[in-house]
Amino acid sequence: MIRFVLFLLAGLFALAAPATGAKRIALSFDDVPRQAGAFMTPQERTERLIAALRRARVRQAAFFVNPQRLELPDGQGGEARIAAYVRAGHVIANHSFSHPSLTRVGPDAYIADIDRAAAWLHGRRGFRPWYRYPFLDEGARNIAWRDQVRAALAQRGLRNGYITVDSYDWFLDDLANRARRAGLTMDMDALRDLYVRIIVEAANFEEATARAALGRSPIHVTLMHETDLEAMFLTDAVAALRADGWEIATIDEAYRDPIAAREPNAAYLGGGRVAALANEAGRAARELIPPMNQEATIQRLFNERVLRITVEQ
């Protein structure tokens, strides 16, 4: 009898253990609080996004905040909306105060902007000491600037809130919002399917890149934005990821992955941590861009499938 019980317990533990080499991904959202879209108000979007995360059983995502957006007309009530994400179990982090590009403003102004955001975030519930570069611009074209900012982050106890999967959701959201405001008829099922395809194919592309460059699968971090499309279709995207073999990790788990400690000395930093490590190892930048991150491809598919525009050859 004892031997049978031990056998049964061993089987249960085996079922509970994660599969070897399982694909894992965490979710993060940039540009919070985002301006109103053409489909819903900022308040409606926050409520629907929180509900979508709950339905999708996403225990913890990260929302990267630009406090200057609170000063804009659509920023009214934004502080309460950010707090609502935290109450729902998610975390917040620094995405700069005004969303500048390091390449355009230089390191001194850039670091001062980080500090303005840090002052707003200080002491808030749910805060994590992570910093995400706007535009994913880490200053790869100017090594001295790059290293000055990296040193400033280290001095402030801020870690790079890197991504590994750029979903390009913002571009599709922009196309959909423009079409909506123009009164164009859209196939919403096709829009959902295109959004889901962009998310899943980008994740699988970076997974293949990671296995080739690192010899293993890290816990990925996907870059999304606080958009209307996320609020409408996030549950579908997470379901599709799971159907494709992905497990949804918390963002805290993701940033404990060993790649979090590696700051690539690469010429190509704008595609995320995995692409940068692959570039550092010798892969050309042009090989590291997912096909579904090409604006021309997304535009063509949007025209053909969502707007049903036929272009004669």
Protein backbone atom coordinates (compact mmCIF):
# COMPACT_ATOMS: atom_id res chain seq x y z
CA MET A 1 0.00 0.00 0.00
CA ILE A 2 2.81 2.42 0.92
CA ARG A 3 4.59 1.61 -2.32
CA PHE A 4 1.37 2.38 -4.25
CA VAL A 5 0.94 5.73 -2.50
CA LEU A 6 4.54 6.70 -3.24
CA PHE A 7 4.04 5.72 -6.88
CA LEU A 8 0.87 7.83 -7.05
CA LEU A 9 2.59 10.85 -5.46
CA ALA A 10 5.52 10.54 -7.89
CA GLY A 11 3.09 10.61 -10.79
CA LEU A 12 1.32 13.68 -9.44
CA PHE A 13 4.62 15.53 -8.99
CA ALA A 14 5.60 14.63 -12.55
CA LEU A 15 2.33 16.07 -13.83
CA ALA A 16 2.85 19.26 -11.80
CA ALA A 17 6.42 19.82 -13.00
CA PRO A 18 6.85 22.17 -15.97
CA ALA A 19 7.75 20.55 -19.25
CA THR A 20 11.42 20.64 -20.13
CA GLY A 21 12.12 23.55 -22.42
CA ALA A 22 8.60 24.94 -22.08
CA LYS A 23 8.03 28.31 -23.77
CA ARG A 24 7.25 30.97 -21.18
CA ILE A 25 6.31 34.62 -21.64
CA ALA A 26 5.32 37.56 -19.45
CA LEU A 27 3.24 40.56 -20.50
CA SER A 28 4.14 44.24 -20.22
CA PHE A 29 2.42 47.42 -21.39
CA ASP A 30 4.08 50.72 -22.31
CA ASP A 31 2.99 54.37 -22.52
CA VAL A 32 0.67 54.42 -19.51
CA PRO A 33 -1.65 56.30 -19.25
CA ARG A 34 -2.32 56.29 -23.00
CA GLN A 35 -4.53 58.80 -24.79
CA ALA A 36 -8.10 57.97 -25.75
CA GLY A 37 -8.56 55.69 -28.73
CA ALA A 38 -11.36 55.66 -31.29
CA PHE A 39 -13.11 52.68 -29.69
CA MET A 40 -13.30 53.58 -25.99
CA THR A 41 -12.41 56.14 -23.36
CA PRO A 42 -9.28 55.71 -21.22
CA GLN A 43 -11.47 54.69 -18.26
CA GLU A 44 -13.37 52.11 -20.31
CA ARG A 45 -10.09 50.77 -21.68
CA THR A 46 -8.57 50.33 -18.23
CA GLU A 47 -11.64 48.52 -16.95
CA ARG A 48 -11.77 46.23 -19.97
CA LEU A 49 -8.04 45.55 -19.91
CA ILE A 50 -8.11 44.59 -16.24
CA ALA A 51 -11.08 42.32 -16.95
CA ALA A 52 -9.29 40.79 -19.96
CA LEU A 53 -6.19 40.04 -17.89
CA ARG A 54 -8.38 38.41 -15.24
CA ARG A 55 -10.27 36.29 -17.79
CA ALA A 56 -6.98 35.27 -19.40
CA ARG A 57 -5.63 34.21 -15.97
CA VAL A 58 -2.64 36.54 -16.22
CA ARG A 59 -1.62 36.87 -12.58
CA GLN A 60 0.85 39.73 -12.99
CA ALA A 61 1.79 42.06 -15.83
CA ALA A 62 3.83 45.28 -15.80
CA PHE A 63 2.65 48.76 -16.78
CA PHE A 64 5.45 51.18 -17.68
CA VAL A 65 4.45 54.73 -16.84
CA ASN A 66 5.10 58.13 -18.45
CA PRO A 67 3.90 60.57 -15.74
CA GLN A 68 3.84 63.55 -18.12
CA ARG A 69 0.83 61.96 -19.82
CA LEU A 70 -1.16 62.74 -16.68
CA GLU A 71 -0.88 66.44 -17.59
CA LEU A 72 -2.57 65.96 -20.97
CA PRO A 73 -6.37 66.25 -21.41
CA ASP A 74 -6.76 62.47 -21.68
CA GLY A 75 -4.61 62.07 -18.58
CA GLN A 76 -7.38 63.21 -16.26
CA GLY A 77 -8.06 60.38 -13.84
CA GLY A 78 -4.94 58.57 -15.01
CA GLU A 79 -3.46 58.27 -11.54
CA ALA A 80 -6.55 56.38 -10.37
CA ARG A 81 -6.41 54.13 -13.42
CA ILE A 82 -2.77 53.29 -12.73
CA ALA A 83 -3.69 52.48 -9.13
CA ALA A 84 -6.46 50.20 -10.42
CA TYR A 85 -3.90 48.08 -12.28
CA VAL A 86 -1.93 47.69 -9.06
CA ARG A 87 -5.04 46.74 -7.07
CA ALA A 88 -5.68 44.05 -9.68
CA GLY A 89 -2.29 42.49 -8.85
CA HIS A 90 -0.08 44.08 -11.51
CA VAL A 91 3.03 46.25 -11.10
CA ILE A 92 4.25 49.61 -12.40
CA ALA A 93 7.68 50.82 -13.49
CA ASN A 94 9.56 53.76 -15.04
CA HIS A 95 9.23 54.50 -18.76
CA SER A 96 10.67 58.06 -18.44
CA PHE A 97 8.70 61.22 -17.71
CA SER A 98 8.09 62.50 -21.25
CA HIS A 99 9.06 59.56 -23.53
CA PRO A 100 12.22 61.06 -25.09
CA SER A 101 14.62 59.36 -27.47
CA LEU A 102 18.15 59.08 -26.08
CA THR A 103 19.58 59.50 -29.58
CA ARG A 104 17.77 62.84 -29.98
CA VAL A 105 18.14 64.52 -26.58
CA GLY A 106 21.50 63.26 -25.30
CA PRO A 107 22.33 61.65 -21.95
CA ASP A 108 22.12 64.63 -19.58
CA ALA A 109 18.57 65.66 -20.49
CA TYR A 110 17.63 62.01 -20.77
CA ILE A 111 18.79 61.12 -17.26
CA ALA A 112 17.03 64.18 -15.85
CA ASP A 113 13.82 62.95 -17.47
CA ILE A 114 14.25 59.53 -15.85
CA ASP A 115 14.62 61.25 -12.48
CA ARG A 116 11.38 63.22 -12.95
CA ALA A 117 9.50 59.98 -13.53
CA ALA A 118 11.25 58.36 -10.57
CA ALA A 119 10.11 61.20 -8.31
CA TRP A 120 6.49 60.55 -9.31
CA LEU A 121 6.81 56.78 -8.85
CA HIS A 122 8.62 56.93 -5.51
CA GLY A 123 6.70 55.23 -2.72
CA ARG A 124 3.80 54.08 -4.87
CA ARG A 125 2.28 50.67 -4.37
CA GLY A 126 3.27 48.09 -6.94
CA PHE A 127 6.44 49.92 -8.02
CA ARG A 128 9.33 47.88 -9.38
CA PRO A 129 12.80 49.42 -9.92
CA TRP A 130 12.85 48.82 -13.66
CA TYR A 131 13.41 51.30 -16.46
CA ARG A 132 12.26 50.76 -20.04
CA TYR A 133 13.82 52.85 -22.77
CA PRO A 134 11.28 54.73 -24.92
CA PHE A 135 11.41 53.54 -28.53
CA LEU A 136 13.75 50.80 -27.20
CA ASP A 137 16.48 53.36 -27.95
CA GLU A 138 19.42 52.42 -25.71
CA GLY A 139 21.88 54.66 -27.55
CA ALA A 140 23.62 52.00 -29.61
CA ARG A 141 24.85 54.62 -32.08
CA ASN A 142 26.80 56.44 -29.39
CA ILE A 143 28.56 54.06 -27.01
CA ALA A 144 29.61 56.85 -24.63
CA TRP A 145 25.97 57.97 -24.27
CA ARG A 146 24.80 54.37 -23.88
CA ASP A 147 27.30 53.70 -21.12
CA GLN A 148 26.58 57.00 -19.35
CA VAL A 149 22.88 56.12 -19.12
CA ARG A 150 23.61 52.55 -18.07
CA ALA A 151 25.85 53.88 -15.28
CA ALA A 152 23.15 56.36 -14.20
CA LEU A 153 20.56 53.57 -13.99
CA ALA A 154 22.91 51.45 -11.89
CA GLN A 155 23.60 54.37 -9.54
CA ARG A 156 19.84 54.80 -9.05
CA GLY A 157 19.18 51.12 -8.47
CA LEU A 158 17.18 50.82 -11.69
CA ARG A 159 17.43 47.70 -13.83
CA ASN A 160 16.78 47.58 -17.56
CA GLY A 161 13.12 46.67 -18.09
CA TYR A 162 14.06 44.97 -21.34
CA ILE A 163 11.75 43.14 -23.70
CA THR A 164 12.43 40.10 -25.84
CA VAL A 165 9.31 40.19 -28.04
CA ASP A 166 8.18 43.38 -29.80
CA SER A 167 4.59 42.77 -30.84
CA TYR A 168 4.15 45.91 -32.99
CA ASP A 169 0.62 46.15 -31.61
CA TRP A 170 0.84 49.96 -31.59
CA PHE A 171 1.05 50.08 -35.38
CA LEU A 172 -2.01 47.91 -35.91
CA ASP A 173 -3.86 49.90 -33.25
CA ASP A 174 -3.01 53.12 -35.10
CA LEU A 175 -4.33 51.71 -38.38
CA ALA A 176 -7.57 50.59 -36.72
CA ASN A 177 -8.09 53.91 -34.96
CA ARG A 178 -7.56 55.86 -38.17
CA ALA A 179 -10.00 53.65 -40.03
CA ARG A 180 -12.58 54.00 -37.25
CA ARG A 181 -12.30 57.78 -37.19
CA ALA A 182 -12.60 57.87 -40.99
CA GLY A 183 -15.84 55.86 -40.80
CA LEU A 184 -14.44 52.91 -42.76
CA THR A 185 -16.07 49.51 -42.43
CA MET A 186 -13.82 47.00 -40.70
CA ASP A 187 -14.11 43.24 -40.33
CA MET A 188 -13.61 43.07 -36.55
CA ASP A 189 -13.08 39.31 -36.56
CA ALA A 190 -10.30 39.77 -39.10
CA LEU A 191 -8.83 42.59 -37.00
CA ARG A 192 -8.80 40.29 -33.96
CA ASP A 193 -7.18 37.51 -35.96
CA LEU A 194 -4.48 39.82 -37.31
CA TYR A 195 -3.73 41.16 -33.84
CA VAL A 196 -3.42 37.62 -32.47
CA ARG A 197 -1.22 36.55 -35.37
CA ILE A 198 1.18 39.44 -34.78
CA ILE A 199 1.52 38.53 -31.10
CA VAL A 200 2.02 34.79 -31.58
CA GLU A 201 4.31 34.92 -34.62
CA ALA A 202 6.58 37.54 -33.02
CA ALA A 203 6.86 35.39 -29.89
CA ASN A 204 7.75 32.28 -31.87
CA PHE A 205 10.30 34.17 -33.97
CA GLU A 206 12.13 35.39 -30.86
CA GLU A 207 11.89 31.94 -29.28
CA ALA A 208 13.68 30.43 -32.28
CA THR A 209 16.26 33.23 -32.14
CA ALA A 210 16.86 32.58 -28.44
CA ARG A 211 17.33 28.85 -28.88
CA ALA A 212 19.82 29.44 -31.69
CA ALA A 213 21.77 32.19 -29.90
CA LEU A 214 21.52 31.08 -26.27
CA GLY A 215 20.94 27.37 -26.58
CA ARG A 216 17.87 27.60 -24.36
CA SER A 217 14.52 29.26 -23.93
CA PRO A 218 14.53 32.25 -21.57
CA ILE A 219 11.39 33.60 -19.96
CA HIS A 220 10.34 36.10 -22.60
CA VAL A 221 8.88 39.57 -22.04
CA THR A 222 6.50 40.85 -24.68
CA LEU A 223 6.10 44.55 -25.40
CA MET A 224 2.49 45.64 -25.69
CA HIS A 225 0.84 49.02 -25.21
CA GLU A 226 -2.19 50.21 -23.29
CA THR A 227 -4.34 50.30 -26.42
CA ASP A 228 -7.96 49.69 -27.39
CA LEU A 229 -6.93 46.57 -29.30
CA GLU A 230 -5.37 45.07 -26.18
CA ALA A 231 -8.54 45.74 -24.23
CA MET A 232 -10.64 44.10 -26.93
CA PHE A 233 -8.48 41.16 -27.96
CA LEU A 234 -5.93 40.37 -25.25
CA THR A 235 -7.89 37.36 -24.01
CA ASP A 236 -7.82 35.92 -27.53
CA ALA A 237 -4.08 36.50 -27.85
CA VAL A 238 -3.30 34.78 -24.55
CA ALA A 239 -5.53 31.84 -25.49
CA ALA A 240 -3.70 31.54 -28.81
CA LEU A 241 -0.32 31.65 -27.08
CA ARG A 242 -1.37 28.86 -24.72
CA ALA A 243 -2.74 26.82 -27.64
CA ASP A 244 0.68 27.21 -29.28
CA GLY A 245 2.44 25.79 -26.23
CA TRP A 246 3.27 28.97 -24.33
CA GLU A 247 2.93 29.34 -20.57
CA ILE A 248 2.19 32.79 -19.13
CA ALA A 249 4.77 33.81 -16.52
CA THR A 250 4.63 36.71 -14.10
CA ILE A 251 6.80 39.70 -14.89
CA ASP A 252 8.70 39.19 -11.62
CA GLU A 253 9.62 35.68 -12.79
CA ALA A 254 10.71 36.96 -16.19
CA TYR A 255 13.13 39.52 -14.78
CA ARG A 256 14.79 36.82 -12.66
CA ASP A 257 15.88 35.01 -15.83
CA PRO A 258 19.69 34.93 -16.30
CA ILE A 259 19.50 37.17 -19.36
CA ALA A 260 18.41 40.00 -17.05
CA ALA A 261 22.03 40.23 -15.87
CA ARG A 262 23.47 40.50 -19.39
CA GLU A 263 23.87 43.97 -20.92
CA PRO A 264 24.72 43.25 -24.57
CA ASN A 265 27.59 45.08 -26.22
CA ALA A 266 25.78 45.00 -29.53
CA ALA A 267 25.25 47.38 -32.42
CA TYR A 268 21.59 46.36 -32.61
CA LEU A 269 19.71 47.06 -29.38
CA GLY A 270 16.32 48.17 -30.71
CA GLY A 271 14.85 44.68 -31.11
CA GLY A 272 15.01 43.62 -27.49
CA ARG A 273 17.37 41.59 -25.30
CA VAL A 274 17.32 38.31 -27.26
CA ALA A 275 17.93 40.04 -30.59
CA ALA A 276 20.77 42.08 -29.05
CA LEU A 277 22.45 38.97 -27.64
CA ALA A 278 22.12 37.27 -31.03
CA ASN A 279 23.61 40.35 -32.70
CA GLU A 280 26.46 40.37 -30.18
CA ALA A 281 27.11 36.72 -31.10
CA GLY A 282 27.41 37.60 -34.79
CA ARG A 283 23.90 37.54 -36.28
CA ALA A 284 23.20 40.42 -38.67
CA ALA A 285 20.54 42.89 -37.53
CA ARG A 286 18.52 42.39 -40.72
CA GLU A 287 18.05 38.71 -39.78
CA LEU A 288 16.66 39.60 -36.36
CA ILE A 289 13.48 41.45 -37.34
CA PRO A 290 10.31 39.31 -37.18
CA PRO A 291 8.35 39.34 -40.46
CA MET A 292 5.25 40.47 -38.57
CA ASN A 293 7.14 43.53 -37.29
CA GLN A 294 7.33 44.91 -40.82
CA GLU A 295 5.00 47.90 -41.17
CA ALA A 296 4.46 47.26 -44.88
CA THR A 297 3.36 43.69 -44.14
CA ILE A 298 0.93 44.75 -41.41
CA GLN A 299 -0.47 47.52 -43.60
CA ARG A 300 -1.03 45.10 -46.50
CA LEU A 301 -2.75 42.51 -44.34
CA PHE A 302 -4.88 45.18 -42.68
CA ASN A 303 -6.01 46.50 -46.06
CA GLU A 304 -6.71 43.04 -47.49
CA ARG A 305 -8.34 41.35 -44.52
CA VAL A 306 -9.74 44.05 -42.26
CA LEU A 307 -10.75 46.71 -44.78
CA ARG A 308 -11.27 44.18 -47.62
CA ILE A 309 -9.43 46.42 -50.06
CA THR A 310 -8.32 44.49 -53.13
CA VAL A 311 -5.25 45.86 -54.86
CA GLU A 312 -5.05 44.88 -58.50
CA GLN A 313 -1.68 43.56 -59.60
